[in-house]
C-alpha atoms as a PDB file:
ATOM      1  CA  MET A   1      19.463   6.719  23.064  1.00  0.00           C
ATOM      2  CA  VAL A   2      17.388   9.693  22.286  1.00  0.00           C
ATOM      3  CA  LYS A   3      14.785   8.380  18.977  1.00  0.00           C
ATOM      4  CA  ASN A   4      14.118  11.461  16.643  1.00  0.00           C
ATOM      5  CA  ALA A   5      11.350  11.266  13.619  1.00  0.00           C
ATOM      6  CA  ASP A   6      14.000  10.529  11.089  1.00  0.00           C
ATOM      7  CA  GLU A   7      15.016   7.401  12.778  1.00  0.00           C
ATOM      8  CA  VAL A   8      11.611   6.023  13.860  1.00  0.00           C
ATOM      9  CA  LYS A   9      10.423   6.476   9.905  1.00  0.00           C
ATOM     10  CA  GLY A  10      13.352   4.449   9.077  1.00  0.00           C
ATOM     11  CA  ARG A  11      12.674   1.693  11.092  1.00  0.00           C
ATOM     12  CA  VAL A  12       9.095   1.769  10.188  1.00  0.00           C
ATOM     13  CA  LYS A  13      10.099   1.942   6.322  1.00  0.00           C
ATOM     14  CA  GLU A  14      12.618  -0.703   6.910  1.00  0.00           C
ATOM     15  CA  ALA A  15      10.256  -2.938   8.822  1.00  0.00           C
ATOM     16  CA  ALA A  16       7.660  -2.289   5.966  1.00  0.00           C
ATOM     17  CA  GLY A  17      10.110  -3.259   3.260  1.00  0.00           C
ATOM     18  CA  SER A  18      11.070  -6.367   4.908  1.00  0.00           C
ATOM     19  CA  LEU A  19       7.452  -7.114   5.563  1.00  0.00           C
ATOM     20  CA  ILE A  20       6.596  -7.110   2.137  1.00  0.00           C
ATOM     21  CA  GLY A  21       9.425  -7.797   0.547  1.00  0.00           C
ATOM     22  CA  ASN A  22      10.011  -4.210  -1.325  1.00  0.00           C
ATOM     23  CA  LYS A  23      13.922  -3.906  -1.274  1.00  0.00           C
ATOM     24  CA  GLN A  24      13.798  -0.487  -2.446  1.00  0.00           C
ATOM     25  CA  LEU A  25      11.652   0.358   0.747  1.00  0.00           C
ATOM     26  CA  LYS A  26      13.756  -1.100   2.995  1.00  0.00           C
ATOM     27  CA  SER A  27      17.093   0.422   1.751  1.00  0.00           C
ATOM     28  CA  GLU A  28      15.310   3.659   2.011  1.00  0.00           C
ATOM     29  CA  GLY A  29      14.138   2.871   5.551  1.00  0.00           C
ATOM     30  CA  LYS A  30      17.608   2.106   6.391  1.00  0.00           C
ATOM     31  CA  ALA A  31      19.121   5.121   4.819  1.00  0.00           C
ATOM     32  CA  ASP A  32      16.572   7.272   6.862  1.00  0.00           C
ATOM     33  CA  ARG A  33      17.552   5.329  10.081  1.00  0.00           C
ATOM     34  CA  ILE A  34      21.139   6.168   9.698  1.00  0.00           C
ATOM     35  CA  ALA A  35      20.587   9.840   8.741  1.00  0.00           C
ATOM     36  CA  GLY A  36      18.324   9.859  12.280  1.00  0.00           C
ATOM     37  CA  GLU A  37      21.223   8.299  14.400  1.00  0.00           C
ATOM     38  CA  ALA A  38      23.763  10.689  12.904  1.00  0.00           C
ATOM     39  CA  LYS A  39      21.550  13.846  13.703  1.00  0.00           C
ATOM     40  CA  ALA A  40      20.837  12.448  17.237  1.00  0.00           C
ATOM     41  CA  LYS A  41      24.716  12.192  17.461  1.00  0.00           C
ATOM     42  CA  VAL A  42      25.115  15.551  16.348  1.00  0.00           C
ATOM     43  CA  LYS A  43      22.961  16.936  18.890  1.00  0.00           C
ATOM     44  CA  GLU A  44      24.528  15.140  21.581  1.00  0.00           C
ATOM     45  CA  ALA A  45      27.893  16.442  20.600  1.00  0.00           C
ATOM     46  CA  GLU A  46      26.405  19.943  20.333  1.00  0.00           C
ATOM     47  CA  ALA A  47      25.263  19.599  23.819  1.00  0.00           C
ATOM     48  CA  LYS A  48      28.488  18.251  25.123  1.00  0.00           C
ATOM     49  CA  ALA A  49      30.251  21.200  23.666  1.00  0.00           C
ATOM     50  CA  GLU A  50      27.642  23.634  24.942  1.00  0.00           C
ATOM     51  CA  LYS A  51      28.395  22.310  28.714  1.00  0.00           C
ATOM     52  CA  LEU A  52      32.247  22.586  28.115  1.00  0.00           C
ATOM     53  CA  ILE A  53      31.902  26.417  26.778  1.00  0.00           C
ATOM     54  CA  ASP A  54      29.960  27.128  29.743  1.00  0.00           C
ATOM     55  CA  LYS A  55      32.502  25.635  31.980  1.00  0.00           C
ATOM     56  CA  ALA A  56      35.436  27.367  30.374  1.00  0.00           C
ATOM     57  CA  LYS A  57      33.637  30.728  30.546  1.00  0.00           C
ATOM     58  CA  ALA A  58      32.759  29.877  34.177  1.00  0.00           C
ATOM     59  CA  ALA A  59      35.970  28.913  35.167  1.00  0.00           C
ATOM     60  CA  SER A  60      37.776  32.266  33.256  1.00  0.00           C
ATOM     61  CA  ARG A  61      35.342  34.537  35.541  1.00  0.00           C
ATOM     62  CA  LYS A  62      36.611  33.035  38.831  1.00  0.00           C
ATOM     63  CA  LYS A  63      40.369  34.061  37.748  1.00  0.00           C
END
């Protein structure tokens, strides 16, 4: 899985929050991590959609 800056930042904040017992920092980290994971999934979906579009264009040109 692709790691982006938000996901990494979230993991660091979450770990720091756990380490020092700061629930708010841990929660912020979890939110950042989840946002980063969502962004990565959107990027993957965009790449797959682009591939499908390219395949469809290539197939239509062959006809």
